[in-house]
Amino acid sequence: GEDGQPWPVLVLKVYGRWHEENRRLCPLTAELTDHPSVISVIFSQLPPGKSLPEHTGPCKGVLRYHLPLIVPNKETCSYMREGQAKPCHLYVGGKPLIWREGRGVLFDDFYLHEAHNPTSMPRVVLFLDVLRSKTTWSLIESINARVMDILGSSAPVVEILSRG
């Protein structure tokens, strides 16, 4: 971050190479993202009150996908309810994007981008670097379909369906 403190991340895969210990910690995420077009899989935390300064990715060969997992909002962050803070946000090419839990964001990592968490709670996203190709959208659709299949057979869903 801007303050010289380390950026808290859990790297599962970077530039096509798996971090085997972390991969074993997150088997479902590793399974869902195990595709040749996905070259990086990283859980990223942006601590409270921190920002990542404007930067670009190292090359134009990838698109970056953020899946927001934990995003402080008015329901979870008391001082936001009192109107004292803006939500967590990302600027890509100078345009603001507001993270929403469970709503993915795909952007060109080569554009200037920066991230801000002005809240009192951490923001966590799963980010993927996906090779730029004609198959990018079909890959995202494939991952989404696999997630829906897993959710559809999860214990809470099975319980709901068994109630009749």
N, C-alpha and C. Protein backbone atom coordinates (compact mmCIF):
# COMPACT_ATOMS: atom_id res chain seq x y z
N GLY A 1 0.81 -1.19 0.00
CA GLY A 1 0.00 0.00 0.00
C GLY A 1 0.85 1.25 0.00
N GLU A 2 0.18 2.40 0.05
CA GLU A 2 0.87 3.69 0.02
C GLU A 2 1.74 3.92 1.25
N ASP A 3 1.41 3.24 2.36
CA ASP A 3 2.14 3.48 3.60
C ASP A 3 3.37 2.58 3.76
N GLY A 4 3.70 1.80 2.73
CA GLY A 4 4.86 0.93 2.79
C GLY A 4 4.61 -0.38 3.51
N GLN A 5 3.41 -0.56 4.06
CA GLN A 5 3.08 -1.81 4.74
C GLN A 5 2.77 -2.89 3.70
N PRO A 6 3.04 -4.15 4.03
CA PRO A 6 2.75 -5.22 3.06
C PRO A 6 1.25 -5.29 2.75
N TRP A 7 0.96 -5.72 1.55
CA TRP A 7 -0.40 -5.90 1.07
C TRP A 7 -0.80 -7.33 1.42
N PRO A 8 -1.78 -7.53 2.31
CA PRO A 8 -2.14 -8.89 2.73
C PRO A 8 -2.81 -9.68 1.60
N VAL A 9 -2.14 -10.72 1.15
CA VAL A 9 -2.67 -11.59 0.10
C VAL A 9 -2.40 -13.05 0.45
N LEU A 10 -3.21 -13.92 -0.12
CA LEU A 10 -2.96 -15.36 -0.07
C LEU A 10 -2.90 -15.81 -1.52
N VAL A 11 -1.72 -16.13 -1.97
CA VAL A 11 -1.49 -16.50 -3.37
C VAL A 11 -1.68 -18.01 -3.52
N LEU A 12 -2.63 -18.37 -4.40
CA LEU A 12 -2.81 -19.78 -4.74
C LEU A 12 -2.05 -20.12 -6.01
N LYS A 13 -2.07 -19.19 -6.94
CA LYS A 13 -1.42 -19.42 -8.23
C LYS A 13 -0.94 -18.07 -8.75
N VAL A 14 0.26 -18.04 -9.28
CA VAL A 14 0.77 -16.80 -9.85
C VAL A 14 1.53 -17.13 -11.13
N TYR A 15 1.17 -16.43 -12.20
CA TYR A 15 1.77 -16.63 -13.53
C TYR A 15 1.85 -18.11 -13.90
N GLY A 16 0.75 -18.81 -13.62
CA GLY A 16 0.63 -20.20 -14.03
C GLY A 16 1.24 -21.22 -13.09
N ARG A 17 1.83 -20.77 -12.00
CA ARG A 17 2.47 -21.69 -11.05
C ARG A 17 1.70 -21.72 -9.73
N TRP A 18 1.30 -22.93 -9.32
CA TRP A 18 0.55 -23.10 -8.08
C TRP A 18 1.47 -23.01 -6.87
N HIS A 19 1.00 -22.37 -5.83
CA HIS A 19 1.64 -22.42 -4.51
C HIS A 19 0.97 -23.62 -3.83
N GLU A 20 1.64 -24.75 -3.81
CA GLU A 20 1.00 -26.01 -3.44
C GLU A 20 0.41 -26.00 -2.03
N GLU A 21 1.11 -25.42 -1.07
CA GLU A 21 0.58 -25.39 0.31
C GLU A 21 -0.72 -24.58 0.37
N ASN A 22 -0.74 -23.41 -0.28
CA ASN A 22 -1.95 -22.59 -0.27
C ASN A 22 -3.06 -23.23 -1.09
N ARG A 23 -2.67 -23.93 -2.14
CA ARG A 23 -3.66 -24.65 -2.96
C ARG A 23 -4.38 -25.68 -2.10
N ARG A 24 -3.64 -26.39 -1.23
CA ARG A 24 -4.25 -27.38 -0.35
C ARG A 24 -5.16 -26.73 0.69
N LEU A 25 -4.87 -25.48 1.06
CA LEU A 25 -5.72 -24.76 2.02
C LEU A 25 -7.08 -24.39 1.44
N CYS A 26 -7.14 -24.27 0.12
CA CYS A 26 -8.35 -23.79 -0.57
C CYS A 26 -8.70 -24.72 -1.72
N PRO A 27 -9.04 -25.98 -1.43
CA PRO A 27 -9.22 -26.94 -2.52
C PRO A 27 -10.37 -26.60 -3.47
N LEU A 28 -11.46 -26.07 -2.97
CA LEU A 28 -12.59 -25.76 -3.83
C LEU A 28 -12.25 -24.60 -4.78
N THR A 29 -11.62 -23.56 -4.23
CA THR A 29 -11.20 -22.44 -5.08
C THR A 29 -10.21 -22.92 -6.13
N ALA A 30 -9.26 -23.76 -5.71
CA ALA A 30 -8.28 -24.29 -6.66
C ALA A 30 -8.97 -25.10 -7.76
N GLU A 31 -9.94 -25.92 -7.38
CA GLU A 31 -10.66 -26.72 -8.37
C GLU A 31 -11.43 -25.84 -9.35
N LEU A 32 -12.12 -24.83 -8.81
CA LEU A 32 -12.94 -23.96 -9.66
C LEU A 32 -12.11 -23.13 -10.63
N THR A 33 -10.87 -22.83 -10.26
CA THR A 33 -10.04 -21.95 -11.07
C THR A 33 -8.94 -22.70 -11.82
N ASP A 34 -8.97 -24.02 -11.76
CA ASP A 34 -7.93 -24.81 -12.42
C ASP A 34 -8.23 -24.90 -13.92
N HIS A 35 -7.77 -23.88 -14.62
CA HIS A 35 -7.99 -23.77 -16.07
C HIS A 35 -6.74 -23.12 -16.65
N PRO A 36 -6.27 -23.56 -17.81
CA PRO A 36 -5.04 -23.00 -18.37
C PRO A 36 -5.09 -21.49 -18.62
N SER A 37 -6.30 -20.94 -18.83
CA SER A 37 -6.41 -19.50 -19.07
C SER A 37 -6.31 -18.68 -17.79
N VAL A 38 -6.49 -19.32 -16.62
CA VAL A 38 -6.38 -18.61 -15.35
C VAL A 38 -4.93 -18.73 -14.89
N ILE A 39 -4.21 -17.62 -14.94
CA ILE A 39 -2.79 -17.70 -14.61
C ILE A 39 -2.47 -17.22 -13.20
N SER A 40 -3.38 -16.48 -12.56
CA SER A 40 -3.17 -16.06 -11.17
C SER A 40 -4.48 -16.18 -10.42
N VAL A 41 -4.37 -16.68 -9.18
CA VAL A 41 -5.52 -16.82 -8.28
C VAL A 41 -5.05 -16.33 -6.92
N ILE A 42 -5.62 -15.23 -6.46
CA ILE A 42 -5.11 -14.58 -5.25
C ILE A 42 -6.28 -14.05 -4.43
N PHE A 43 -6.29 -14.36 -3.13
CA PHE A 43 -7.20 -13.70 -2.20
C PHE A 43 -6.48 -12.44 -1.74
N SER A 44 -7.15 -11.32 -1.87
CA SER A 44 -6.54 -10.03 -1.56
C SER A 44 -7.36 -9.30 -0.52
N GLN A 45 -6.69 -8.87 0.54
CA GLN A 45 -7.34 -8.07 1.56
C GLN A 45 -6.85 -6.63 1.44
N LEU A 46 -7.76 -5.70 1.51
CA LEU A 46 -7.40 -4.29 1.59
C LEU A 46 -7.81 -3.85 2.98
N PRO A 47 -6.83 -3.63 3.87
CA PRO A 47 -7.15 -3.31 5.26
C PRO A 47 -7.92 -1.99 5.41
N PRO A 48 -8.56 -1.81 6.55
CA PRO A 48 -9.31 -0.59 6.81
C PRO A 48 -8.44 0.65 6.65
N GLY A 49 -8.99 1.65 5.96
CA GLY A 49 -8.30 2.93 5.81
C GLY A 49 -7.12 2.91 4.85
N LYS A 50 -6.94 1.83 4.11
CA LYS A 50 -5.79 1.72 3.21
C LYS A 50 -6.18 1.91 1.75
N SER A 51 -5.17 2.22 0.96
CA SER A 51 -5.32 2.38 -0.48
C SER A 51 -4.17 1.71 -1.19
N LEU A 52 -4.43 1.25 -2.40
CA LEU A 52 -3.36 0.81 -3.30
C LEU A 52 -3.22 1.92 -4.33
N PRO A 53 -2.03 2.50 -4.46
CA PRO A 53 -1.87 3.63 -5.37
C PRO A 53 -2.07 3.21 -6.83
N GLU A 54 -2.29 4.19 -7.65
CA GLU A 54 -2.49 3.98 -9.09
C GLU A 54 -1.33 3.16 -9.65
N HIS A 55 -1.67 2.12 -10.42
CA HIS A 55 -0.65 1.24 -11.00
C HIS A 55 -1.25 0.54 -12.21
N THR A 56 -0.41 -0.14 -12.94
CA THR A 56 -0.86 -0.98 -14.05
C THR A 56 -0.27 -2.37 -13.87
N GLY A 57 -0.87 -3.32 -14.57
CA GLY A 57 -0.30 -4.66 -14.60
C GLY A 57 0.96 -4.66 -15.46
N PRO A 58 1.74 -5.73 -15.39
CA PRO A 58 3.02 -5.76 -16.10
C PRO A 58 2.91 -5.94 -17.61
N CYS A 59 1.74 -6.40 -18.09
CA CYS A 59 1.60 -6.60 -19.54
C CYS A 59 0.14 -6.54 -19.93
N LYS A 60 -0.12 -6.43 -21.21
CA LYS A 60 -1.49 -6.32 -21.71
C LYS A 60 -2.08 -7.71 -22.00
N GLY A 61 -1.42 -8.75 -21.57
CA GLY A 61 -1.85 -10.10 -21.91
C GLY A 61 -2.95 -10.68 -21.05
N VAL A 62 -3.36 -9.97 -19.98
CA VAL A 62 -4.38 -10.53 -19.09
C VAL A 62 -5.50 -9.54 -18.82
N LEU A 63 -6.63 -10.09 -18.46
CA LEU A 63 -7.73 -9.34 -17.90
C LEU A 63 -7.80 -9.71 -16.42
N ARG A 64 -8.16 -8.78 -15.59
CA ARG A 64 -8.25 -9.04 -14.15
C ARG A 64 -9.72 -9.16 -13.78
N TYR A 65 -10.02 -10.22 -13.03
CA TYR A 65 -11.37 -10.46 -12.55
C TYR A 65 -11.36 -10.36 -11.03
N HIS A 66 -12.19 -9.50 -10.46
CA HIS A 66 -12.37 -9.41 -9.02
C HIS A 66 -13.72 -10.00 -8.65
N LEU A 67 -13.72 -10.94 -7.72
CA LEU A 67 -14.96 -11.42 -7.12
C LEU A 67 -14.95 -10.93 -5.68
N PRO A 68 -15.72 -9.88 -5.37
CA PRO A 68 -15.75 -9.35 -4.01
C PRO A 68 -16.39 -10.34 -3.05
N LEU A 69 -15.66 -10.69 -1.99
CA LEU A 69 -16.15 -11.66 -1.01
C LEU A 69 -16.62 -10.97 0.27
N ILE A 70 -15.86 -9.99 0.72
CA ILE A 70 -16.22 -9.21 1.90
C ILE A 70 -16.03 -7.74 1.54
N VAL A 71 -17.13 -7.00 1.57
CA VAL A 71 -17.08 -5.57 1.26
C VAL A 71 -17.84 -4.83 2.35
N PRO A 72 -17.14 -4.01 3.13
CA PRO A 72 -17.85 -3.23 4.15
C PRO A 72 -18.95 -2.39 3.50
N ASN A 73 -20.11 -2.40 4.13
CA ASN A 73 -21.22 -1.61 3.62
C ASN A 73 -21.99 -1.01 4.78
N LYS A 74 -23.06 -0.34 4.50
CA LYS A 74 -23.80 0.36 5.56
C LYS A 74 -24.34 -0.60 6.61
N GLU A 75 -24.60 -1.86 6.25
CA GLU A 75 -25.12 -2.82 7.21
C GLU A 75 -24.04 -3.36 8.13
N THR A 76 -22.80 -3.43 7.64
CA THR A 76 -21.74 -4.06 8.43
C THR A 76 -20.77 -3.06 9.04
N CYS A 77 -20.82 -1.83 8.64
CA CYS A 77 -19.84 -0.85 9.08
C CYS A 77 -20.58 0.35 9.69
N SER A 78 -20.59 0.43 11.02
CA SER A 78 -21.45 1.38 11.73
C SER A 78 -21.21 2.82 11.32
N TYR A 79 -19.96 3.23 11.14
CA TYR A 79 -19.76 4.64 10.86
C TYR A 79 -20.13 5.00 9.43
N MET A 80 -20.32 4.00 8.55
CA MET A 80 -20.85 4.30 7.22
C MET A 80 -22.33 4.62 7.32
N ARG A 81 -23.04 3.97 8.26
CA ARG A 81 -24.47 4.26 8.45
C ARG A 81 -24.66 5.72 8.86
N GLU A 82 -23.68 6.26 9.55
CA GLU A 82 -23.77 7.63 10.02
C GLU A 82 -23.30 8.62 8.95
N GLY A 83 -23.02 8.13 7.74
CA GLY A 83 -22.64 9.00 6.64
C GLY A 83 -21.23 9.54 6.73
N GLN A 84 -20.37 8.86 7.46
CA GLN A 84 -19.02 9.37 7.68
C GLN A 84 -17.98 8.77 6.75
N ALA A 85 -18.37 7.88 5.86
CA ALA A 85 -17.37 7.27 4.98
C ALA A 85 -17.97 6.91 3.63
N LYS A 86 -17.13 6.92 2.64
CA LYS A 86 -17.50 6.44 1.31
C LYS A 86 -17.33 4.92 1.32
N PRO A 87 -17.99 4.24 0.39
CA PRO A 87 -17.78 2.79 0.30
C PRO A 87 -16.41 2.46 -0.29
N CYS A 88 -16.01 1.20 -0.15
CA CYS A 88 -14.80 0.73 -0.82
C CYS A 88 -14.99 0.90 -2.32
N HIS A 89 -13.93 1.29 -3.00
CA HIS A 89 -14.08 1.50 -4.43
C HIS A 89 -12.76 1.30 -5.16
N LEU A 90 -12.90 1.16 -6.45
CA LEU A 90 -11.81 0.90 -7.37
C LEU A 90 -11.95 1.91 -8.50
N TYR A 91 -10.86 2.48 -8.92
CA TYR A 91 -10.86 3.32 -10.11
C TYR A 91 -10.10 2.55 -11.20
N VAL A 92 -10.70 2.44 -12.37
CA VAL A 92 -10.05 1.82 -13.52
C VAL A 92 -10.14 2.81 -14.67
N GLY A 93 -8.98 3.24 -15.16
CA GLY A 93 -8.97 4.23 -16.22
C GLY A 93 -9.68 5.51 -15.81
N GLY A 94 -9.60 5.85 -14.52
CA GLY A 94 -10.21 7.06 -14.02
C GLY A 94 -11.70 6.96 -13.71
N LYS A 95 -12.29 5.79 -13.98
CA LYS A 95 -13.73 5.61 -13.73
C LYS A 95 -13.94 4.83 -12.45
N PRO A 96 -14.81 5.32 -11.56
CA PRO A 96 -15.04 4.62 -10.29
C PRO A 96 -15.90 3.37 -10.46
N LEU A 97 -15.53 2.32 -9.75
CA LEU A 97 -16.33 1.10 -9.66
C LEU A 97 -16.52 0.81 -8.18
N ILE A 98 -17.73 0.54 -7.77
CA ILE A 98 -18.02 0.21 -6.37
C ILE A 98 -18.14 -1.31 -6.28
N TRP A 99 -17.36 -1.92 -5.39
CA TRP A 99 -17.47 -3.37 -5.20
C TRP A 99 -18.78 -3.70 -4.51
N ARG A 100 -19.40 -4.80 -4.93
CA ARG A 100 -20.59 -5.34 -4.29
C ARG A 100 -20.32 -6.83 -4.08
N GLU A 101 -20.57 -7.31 -2.87
CA GLU A 101 -20.30 -8.72 -2.57
C GLU A 101 -20.99 -9.62 -3.58
N GLY A 102 -20.21 -10.56 -4.12
CA GLY A 102 -20.74 -11.55 -5.04
C GLY A 102 -20.92 -11.08 -6.48
N ARG A 103 -20.65 -9.81 -6.77
CA ARG A 103 -20.79 -9.30 -8.14
C ARG A 103 -19.40 -9.09 -8.73
N GLY A 104 -19.04 -9.93 -9.68
CA GLY A 104 -17.72 -9.88 -10.27
C GLY A 104 -17.49 -8.64 -11.12
N VAL A 105 -16.24 -8.25 -11.19
CA VAL A 105 -15.81 -7.12 -12.01
C VAL A 105 -14.65 -7.59 -12.87
N LEU A 106 -14.75 -7.42 -14.18
CA LEU A 106 -13.68 -7.78 -15.10
C LEU A 106 -13.15 -6.51 -15.72
N PHE A 107 -11.82 -6.31 -15.64
CA PHE A 107 -11.26 -5.09 -16.22
C PHE A 107 -9.88 -5.37 -16.80
N ASP A 108 -9.45 -4.46 -17.63
CA ASP A 108 -8.14 -4.55 -18.27
C ASP A 108 -7.08 -4.11 -17.28
N ASP A 109 -6.27 -5.04 -16.83
CA ASP A 109 -5.23 -4.79 -15.83
C ASP A 109 -4.17 -3.81 -16.32
N PHE A 110 -4.11 -3.59 -17.62
CA PHE A 110 -3.09 -2.68 -18.16
C PHE A 110 -3.51 -1.22 -18.05
N TYR A 111 -4.81 -0.97 -17.82
CA TYR A 111 -5.26 0.40 -17.56
C TYR A 111 -4.80 0.80 -16.16
N LEU A 112 -4.53 2.08 -15.96
CA LEU A 112 -4.23 2.56 -14.63
C LEU A 112 -5.41 2.25 -13.71
N HIS A 113 -5.11 1.68 -12.55
CA HIS A 113 -6.16 1.40 -11.59
C HIS A 113 -5.64 1.56 -10.17
N GLU A 114 -6.55 1.85 -9.26
CA GLU A 114 -6.21 2.05 -7.86
C GLU A 114 -7.39 1.58 -7.03
N ALA A 115 -7.11 1.23 -5.78
CA ALA A 115 -8.15 0.70 -4.89
C ALA A 115 -8.12 1.47 -3.57
N HIS A 116 -9.31 1.67 -3.00
CA HIS A 116 -9.42 2.43 -1.75
C HIS A 116 -10.41 1.76 -0.81
N ASN A 117 -10.03 1.68 0.45
CA ASN A 117 -10.93 1.20 1.50
C ASN A 117 -10.95 2.23 2.62
N PRO A 118 -11.84 3.22 2.53
CA PRO A 118 -11.89 4.25 3.55
C PRO A 118 -12.70 3.84 4.78
N THR A 119 -13.07 2.57 4.88
CA THR A 119 -13.94 2.11 5.96
C THR A 119 -13.12 1.60 7.15
N SER A 120 -13.83 1.12 8.16
CA SER A 120 -13.19 0.60 9.37
C SER A 120 -13.06 -0.92 9.36
N MET A 121 -13.38 -1.56 8.23
CA MET A 121 -13.31 -3.01 8.13
C MET A 121 -12.55 -3.42 6.88
N PRO A 122 -11.96 -4.62 6.87
CA PRO A 122 -11.23 -5.06 5.68
C PRO A 122 -12.16 -5.39 4.51
N ARG A 123 -11.62 -5.22 3.31
CA ARG A 123 -12.29 -5.63 2.08
C ARG A 123 -11.50 -6.82 1.56
N VAL A 124 -12.20 -7.88 1.12
CA VAL A 124 -11.53 -9.07 0.60
C VAL A 124 -12.11 -9.41 -0.76
N VAL A 125 -11.24 -9.60 -1.74
CA VAL A 125 -11.66 -10.06 -3.06
C VAL A 125 -10.82 -11.26 -3.45
N LEU A 126 -11.41 -12.11 -4.27
CA LEU A 126 -10.66 -13.14 -4.97
C LEU A 126 -10.37 -12.55 -6.32
N PHE A 127 -9.08 -12.46 -6.66
CA PHE A 127 -8.83 -11.98 -8.02
C PHE A 127 -8.13 -13.01 -8.84
N LEU A 128 -8.53 -13.01 -10.11
CA LEU A 128 -7.98 -13.93 -11.10
C LEU A 128 -7.38 -13.11 -12.21
N ASP A 129 -6.22 -13.51 -12.69
CA ASP A 129 -5.70 -12.99 -13.93
C ASP A 129 -6.00 -14.03 -14.99
N VAL A 130 -6.71 -13.58 -16.03
CA VAL A 130 -7.18 -14.47 -17.08
C VAL A 130 -6.51 -14.06 -18.38
N LEU A 131 -5.89 -15.01 -19.06
CA LEU A 131 -5.25 -14.70 -20.33
C LEU A 131 -6.26 -14.08 -21.29
N ARG A 132 -5.85 -13.02 -21.91
CA ARG A 132 -6.70 -12.34 -22.88
C ARG A 132 -6.82 -13.24 -24.12
N SER A 133 -8.05 -13.58 -24.45
CA SER A 133 -8.27 -14.43 -25.62
C SER A 133 -9.74 -14.39 -25.98
N LYS A 134 -10.07 -15.08 -27.03
CA LYS A 134 -11.47 -15.17 -27.44
C LYS A 134 -12.28 -15.99 -26.46
N THR A 135 -11.61 -16.78 -25.61
CA THR A 135 -12.33 -17.68 -24.72
C THR A 135 -12.57 -17.09 -23.33
N THR A 136 -12.18 -15.84 -23.10
CA THR A 136 -12.31 -15.26 -21.77
C THR A 136 -13.73 -15.36 -21.25
N TRP A 137 -14.72 -14.94 -22.05
CA TRP A 137 -16.09 -14.96 -21.57
C TRP A 137 -16.59 -16.37 -21.34
N SER A 138 -16.21 -17.31 -22.20
CA SER A 138 -16.66 -18.69 -21.98
C SER A 138 -16.03 -19.26 -20.72
N LEU A 139 -14.80 -18.83 -20.40
CA LEU A 139 -14.17 -19.28 -19.15
C LEU A 139 -14.96 -18.76 -17.95
N ILE A 140 -15.29 -17.48 -17.94
CA ILE A 140 -16.06 -16.90 -16.83
C ILE A 140 -17.40 -17.62 -16.72
N GLU A 141 -18.06 -17.86 -17.85
CA GLU A 141 -19.33 -18.57 -17.83
C GLU A 141 -19.15 -19.98 -17.27
N SER A 142 -18.05 -20.65 -17.63
CA SER A 142 -17.77 -21.99 -17.14
C SER A 142 -17.57 -22.00 -15.62
N ILE A 143 -16.79 -21.04 -15.12
CA ILE A 143 -16.57 -20.95 -13.67
C ILE A 143 -17.89 -20.66 -12.97
N ASN A 144 -18.67 -19.72 -13.50
CA ASN A 144 -19.97 -19.41 -12.90
C ASN A 144 -20.87 -20.63 -12.87
N ALA A 145 -20.89 -21.40 -13.96
CA ALA A 145 -21.73 -22.61 -14.01
C ALA A 145 -21.27 -23.62 -12.96
N ARG A 146 -19.95 -23.78 -12.78
CA ARG A 146 -19.45 -24.72 -11.77
C ARG A 146 -19.81 -24.27 -10.37
N VAL A 147 -19.72 -22.96 -10.12
CA VAL A 147 -20.11 -22.43 -8.80
C VAL A 147 -21.58 -22.70 -8.55
N MET A 148 -22.43 -22.46 -9.55
CA MET A 148 -23.87 -22.69 -9.40
C MET A 148 -24.16 -24.16 -9.14
N ASP A 149 -23.45 -25.06 -9.81
CA ASP A 149 -23.62 -26.49 -9.57
C ASP A 149 -23.28 -26.85 -8.13
N ILE A 150 -22.17 -26.31 -7.64
CA ILE A 150 -21.76 -26.59 -6.26
C ILE A 150 -22.77 -26.02 -5.27
N LEU A 151 -23.20 -24.79 -5.49
CA LEU A 151 -24.18 -24.18 -4.61
C LEU A 151 -25.50 -24.95 -4.66
N GLY A 152 -25.87 -25.41 -5.85
CA GLY A 152 -27.12 -26.14 -6.01
C GLY A 152 -27.15 -27.47 -5.26
N SER A 153 -25.99 -28.03 -4.98
CA SER A 153 -25.95 -29.30 -4.25
C SER A 153 -25.45 -29.11 -2.82
N SER A 154 -25.38 -27.87 -2.35
CA SER A 154 -24.90 -27.60 -1.00
C SER A 154 -25.95 -27.99 0.04
N ALA A 155 -25.52 -28.21 1.27
CA ALA A 155 -26.41 -28.65 2.34
C ALA A 155 -27.60 -27.72 2.54
N PRO A 156 -27.42 -26.40 2.58
CA PRO A 156 -28.61 -25.54 2.77
C PRO A 156 -29.63 -25.68 1.64
N VAL A 157 -29.16 -25.82 0.41
CA VAL A 157 -30.09 -25.96 -0.72
C VAL A 157 -30.79 -27.31 -0.65
N VAL A 158 -30.04 -28.37 -0.36
CA VAL A 158 -30.64 -29.70 -0.23
C VAL A 158 -31.69 -29.69 0.87
N GLU A 159 -31.38 -29.02 1.98
CA GLU A 159 -32.35 -28.93 3.09
C GLU A 159 -33.62 -28.20 2.66
N ILE A 160 -33.46 -27.09 1.96
CA ILE A 160 -34.63 -26.32 1.48
C ILE A 160 -35.47 -27.19 0.56
N LEU A 161 -34.81 -27.88 -0.36
CA LEU A 161 -35.54 -28.71 -1.32
C LEU A 161 -36.23 -29.91 -0.66
N SER A 162 -35.65 -30.41 0.43
CA SER A 162 -36.23 -31.57 1.10
C SER A 162 -37.46 -31.22 1.93
N ARG A 163 -37.68 -29.94 2.19
CA ARG A 163 -38.83 -29.51 3.00
C ARG A 163 -40.15 -29.64 2.22
N GLY A 164 -40.05 -29.72 0.92
CA GLY A 164 -41.24 -29.93 0.13
C GLY A 164 -41.99 -28.74 -0.19
